[in-house]
Amino acid sequence: MLLDGLSDAAIHAAAVALAAGELLAFPTETVYGLGADAGNDRAVEKIFTAKGRPSDHPLIVHVDDAQRGRAAVAHFARA
């Protein structure tokens, strides 16, 4: 991940905020994104509230590798 222009202190502050269930706004190529810890139900709820998004409109979860992707969807697996 390339984080040009960000200090170690800013990155640390963002990590602490995510761990505390807070939301982060960050620039992408075309728009700003709104992020949170996808494993924190309260944080995810905050995204829905902040965006005024209906709860039946799913969010995208970004992961850094296939293993984390599998872990993120494991509870949806059929027995």
N, C-alpha and C. Protein backbone atom coordinates (compact mmCIF):
# COMPACT_ATOMS: atom_id res chain seq x y z
N MET A 1 0.85 -1.17 0.00
CA MET A 1 0.00 0.00 0.00
C MET A 1 0.90 1.23 0.00
N LEU A 2 0.64 2.15 -0.90
CA LEU A 2 1.41 3.38 -1.00
C LEU A 2 0.69 4.49 -0.24
N LEU A 3 1.38 5.08 0.69
CA LEU A 3 0.79 6.14 1.51
C LEU A 3 1.61 7.42 1.40
N ASP A 4 1.86 7.88 0.20
CA ASP A 4 2.63 9.10 0.00
C ASP A 4 2.02 10.27 0.75
N GLY A 5 2.87 11.05 1.38
CA GLY A 5 2.42 12.26 2.03
C GLY A 5 1.83 12.07 3.42
N LEU A 6 1.76 10.84 3.91
CA LEU A 6 1.23 10.61 5.24
C LEU A 6 2.36 10.32 6.21
N SER A 7 2.28 10.91 7.36
CA SER A 7 3.30 10.67 8.37
C SER A 7 2.99 9.39 9.13
N ASP A 8 4.01 8.85 9.78
CA ASP A 8 3.80 7.67 10.62
C ASP A 8 2.77 7.97 11.71
N ALA A 9 2.80 9.19 12.22
CA ALA A 9 1.85 9.58 13.28
C ALA A 9 0.41 9.57 12.75
N ALA A 10 0.21 10.04 11.52
CA ALA A 10 -1.14 10.05 10.94
C ALA A 10 -1.63 8.63 10.69
N ILE A 11 -0.75 7.77 10.22
CA ILE A 11 -1.13 6.38 9.99
C ILE A 11 -1.47 5.70 11.31
N HIS A 12 -0.68 5.97 12.33
CA HIS A 12 -0.95 5.40 13.65
C HIS A 12 -2.30 5.90 14.18
N ALA A 13 -2.56 7.20 14.03
CA ALA A 13 -3.83 7.76 14.50
C ALA A 13 -5.01 7.12 13.77
N ALA A 14 -4.85 6.86 12.48
CA ALA A 14 -5.92 6.20 11.71
C ALA A 14 -6.14 4.78 12.22
N ALA A 15 -5.07 4.06 12.50
CA ALA A 15 -5.19 2.69 13.01
C ALA A 15 -5.87 2.68 14.37
N VAL A 16 -5.53 3.62 15.22
CA VAL A 16 -6.16 3.71 16.55
C VAL A 16 -7.65 4.02 16.39
N ALA A 17 -7.98 4.94 15.49
CA ALA A 17 -9.39 5.30 15.27
C ALA A 17 -10.18 4.09 14.76
N LEU A 18 -9.61 3.34 13.81
CA LEU A 18 -10.29 2.15 13.30
C LEU A 18 -10.51 1.13 14.42
N ALA A 19 -9.48 0.92 15.23
CA ALA A 19 -9.59 -0.04 16.34
C ALA A 19 -10.65 0.38 17.35
N ALA A 20 -10.89 1.69 17.45
CA ALA A 20 -11.90 2.21 18.37
C ALA A 20 -13.30 2.25 17.76
N GLY A 21 -13.42 1.77 16.52
CA GLY A 21 -14.73 1.75 15.87
C GLY A 21 -15.13 3.04 15.19
N GLU A 22 -14.16 3.92 14.99
CA GLU A 22 -14.44 5.19 14.32
C GLU A 22 -14.39 5.03 12.81
N LEU A 23 -14.94 6.02 12.10
CA LEU A 23 -14.92 6.03 10.65
C LEU A 23 -13.74 6.84 10.15
N LEU A 24 -13.26 6.50 8.97
CA LEU A 24 -12.20 7.25 8.31
C LEU A 24 -12.67 7.66 6.93
N ALA A 25 -12.34 8.87 6.52
CA ALA A 25 -12.56 9.32 5.15
C ALA A 25 -11.20 9.34 4.48
N PHE A 26 -11.16 8.86 3.24
CA PHE A 26 -9.88 8.80 2.53
C PHE A 26 -10.11 9.00 1.04
N PRO A 27 -9.13 9.63 0.37
CA PRO A 27 -9.28 9.85 -1.07
C PRO A 27 -9.01 8.58 -1.87
N THR A 28 -9.76 8.41 -2.95
CA THR A 28 -9.49 7.35 -3.93
C THR A 28 -9.16 8.06 -5.24
N GLU A 29 -9.11 7.33 -6.33
CA GLU A 29 -8.78 7.94 -7.61
C GLU A 29 -9.81 8.98 -8.05
N THR A 30 -11.07 8.78 -7.68
CA THR A 30 -12.12 9.66 -8.20
C THR A 30 -12.99 10.32 -7.13
N VAL A 31 -13.14 9.70 -5.99
CA VAL A 31 -14.02 10.22 -4.93
C VAL A 31 -13.36 9.97 -3.58
N TYR A 32 -14.01 10.41 -2.54
CA TYR A 32 -13.57 10.05 -1.19
C TYR A 32 -14.30 8.80 -0.75
N GLY A 33 -13.60 7.94 -0.04
CA GLY A 33 -14.20 6.74 0.52
C GLY A 33 -14.45 6.93 2.00
N LEU A 34 -15.34 6.13 2.52
CA LEU A 34 -15.63 6.12 3.95
C LEU A 34 -15.33 4.72 4.43
N GLY A 35 -14.45 4.59 5.40
CA GLY A 35 -14.02 3.27 5.83
C GLY A 35 -14.18 3.06 7.31
N ALA A 36 -14.23 1.76 7.67
CA ALA A 36 -14.33 1.34 9.06
C ALA A 36 -13.85 -0.09 9.14
N ASP A 37 -13.72 -0.59 10.35
CA ASP A 37 -13.37 -1.99 10.57
C ASP A 37 -14.59 -2.84 10.23
N ALA A 38 -14.50 -3.62 9.16
CA ALA A 38 -15.63 -4.43 8.70
C ALA A 38 -16.01 -5.51 9.70
N GLY A 39 -15.13 -5.83 10.64
CA GLY A 39 -15.42 -6.82 11.66
C GLY A 39 -16.10 -6.24 12.89
N ASN A 40 -16.33 -4.95 12.89
CA ASN A 40 -16.95 -4.26 14.02
C ASN A 40 -18.36 -3.83 13.60
N ASP A 41 -19.36 -4.54 14.11
CA ASP A 41 -20.75 -4.28 13.71
C ASP A 41 -21.17 -2.84 13.97
N ARG A 42 -20.74 -2.26 15.08
CA ARG A 42 -21.12 -0.86 15.39
C ARG A 42 -20.49 0.10 14.39
N ALA A 43 -19.25 -0.16 14.00
CA ALA A 43 -18.58 0.69 13.02
C ALA A 43 -19.28 0.61 11.67
N VAL A 44 -19.67 -0.59 11.28
CA VAL A 44 -20.38 -0.78 10.01
C VAL A 44 -21.72 -0.05 10.07
N GLU A 45 -22.39 -0.14 11.20
CA GLU A 45 -23.66 0.57 11.39
C GLU A 45 -23.46 2.07 11.22
N LYS A 46 -22.33 2.59 11.71
CA LYS A 46 -22.02 4.02 11.56
C LYS A 46 -21.90 4.41 10.09
N ILE A 47 -21.34 3.53 9.26
CA ILE A 47 -21.23 3.83 7.83
C ILE A 47 -22.62 3.93 7.22
N PHE A 48 -23.49 2.96 7.51
CA PHE A 48 -24.84 3.01 6.97
C PHE A 48 -25.54 4.31 7.39
N THR A 49 -25.38 4.69 8.65
CA THR A 49 -26.01 5.91 9.15
C THR A 49 -25.43 7.15 8.48
N ALA A 50 -24.10 7.24 8.40
CA ALA A 50 -23.45 8.41 7.82
C ALA A 50 -23.82 8.60 6.35
N LYS A 51 -23.96 7.49 5.64
CA LYS A 51 -24.28 7.57 4.22
C LYS A 51 -25.78 7.62 3.95
N GLY A 52 -26.60 7.39 4.98
CA GLY A 52 -28.03 7.31 4.77
C GLY A 52 -28.38 6.13 3.88
N ARG A 53 -27.61 5.08 4.00
CA ARG A 53 -27.74 3.90 3.13
C ARG A 53 -28.69 2.89 3.76
N PRO A 54 -29.66 2.39 3.01
CA PRO A 54 -30.56 1.36 3.54
C PRO A 54 -29.77 0.11 3.94
N SER A 55 -30.19 -0.54 4.99
CA SER A 55 -29.45 -1.71 5.49
C SER A 55 -29.49 -2.89 4.54
N ASP A 56 -30.40 -2.86 3.56
CA ASP A 56 -30.43 -3.97 2.59
C ASP A 56 -29.56 -3.70 1.36
N HIS A 57 -28.80 -2.60 1.38
CA HIS A 57 -27.83 -2.30 0.32
C HIS A 57 -26.44 -2.62 0.87
N PRO A 58 -25.86 -3.74 0.47
CA PRO A 58 -24.59 -4.17 1.07
C PRO A 58 -23.43 -3.23 0.79
N LEU A 59 -22.44 -3.32 1.63
CA LEU A 59 -21.20 -2.56 1.47
C LEU A 59 -20.13 -3.46 0.87
N ILE A 60 -19.10 -2.86 0.33
CA ILE A 60 -17.94 -3.59 -0.18
C ILE A 60 -16.93 -3.72 0.94
N VAL A 61 -16.33 -4.89 1.07
CA VAL A 61 -15.24 -5.10 2.03
C VAL A 61 -13.98 -5.39 1.23
N HIS A 62 -12.96 -4.58 1.44
CA HIS A 62 -11.68 -4.77 0.76
C HIS A 62 -10.74 -5.54 1.68
N VAL A 63 -10.04 -6.51 1.12
CA VAL A 63 -9.07 -7.30 1.87
C VAL A 63 -7.75 -7.30 1.10
N ASP A 64 -6.66 -7.64 1.79
CA ASP A 64 -5.35 -7.57 1.15
C ASP A 64 -4.87 -8.88 0.56
N ASP A 65 -5.57 -9.98 0.81
CA ASP A 65 -5.19 -11.24 0.18
C ASP A 65 -6.36 -12.22 0.24
N ALA A 66 -6.24 -13.32 -0.51
CA ALA A 66 -7.33 -14.30 -0.62
C ALA A 66 -7.66 -14.94 0.72
N GLN A 67 -6.66 -15.18 1.55
CA GLN A 67 -6.91 -15.81 2.85
C GLN A 67 -7.82 -14.94 3.70
N ARG A 68 -7.56 -13.66 3.73
CA ARG A 68 -8.43 -12.75 4.50
C ARG A 68 -9.82 -12.67 3.88
N GLY A 69 -9.88 -12.77 2.57
CA GLY A 69 -11.18 -12.78 1.91
C GLY A 69 -12.00 -13.99 2.31
N ARG A 70 -11.36 -15.15 2.33
CA ARG A 70 -12.06 -16.37 2.77
C ARG A 70 -12.52 -16.23 4.22
N ALA A 71 -11.67 -15.68 5.07
CA ALA A 71 -12.03 -15.51 6.47
C ALA A 71 -13.21 -14.55 6.62
N ALA A 72 -13.25 -13.52 5.78
CA ALA A 72 -14.32 -12.52 5.86
C ALA A 72 -15.68 -13.09 5.50
N VAL A 73 -15.70 -14.13 4.67
CA VAL A 73 -16.98 -14.70 4.24
C VAL A 73 -17.25 -16.08 4.82
N ALA A 74 -16.39 -16.56 5.71
CA ALA A 74 -16.50 -17.92 6.24
C ALA A 74 -17.85 -18.16 6.91
N HIS A 75 -18.39 -17.16 7.60
CA HIS A 75 -19.66 -17.37 8.30
C HIS A 75 -20.85 -17.49 7.34
N PHE A 76 -20.63 -17.22 6.05
CA PHE A 76 -21.69 -17.40 5.06
C PHE A 76 -21.64 -18.78 4.40
N ALA A 77 -20.58 -19.55 4.69
CA ALA A 77 -20.39 -20.85 4.05
C ALA A 77 -21.50 -21.81 4.45
N ARG A 78 -21.89 -22.63 3.50
CA ARG A 78 -22.91 -23.65 3.77
C ARG A 78 -22.26 -24.89 4.33
N ALA A 79 -22.94 -25.54 5.24
CA ALA A 79 -22.41 -26.76 5.86
C ALA A 79 -22.50 -27.93 4.91
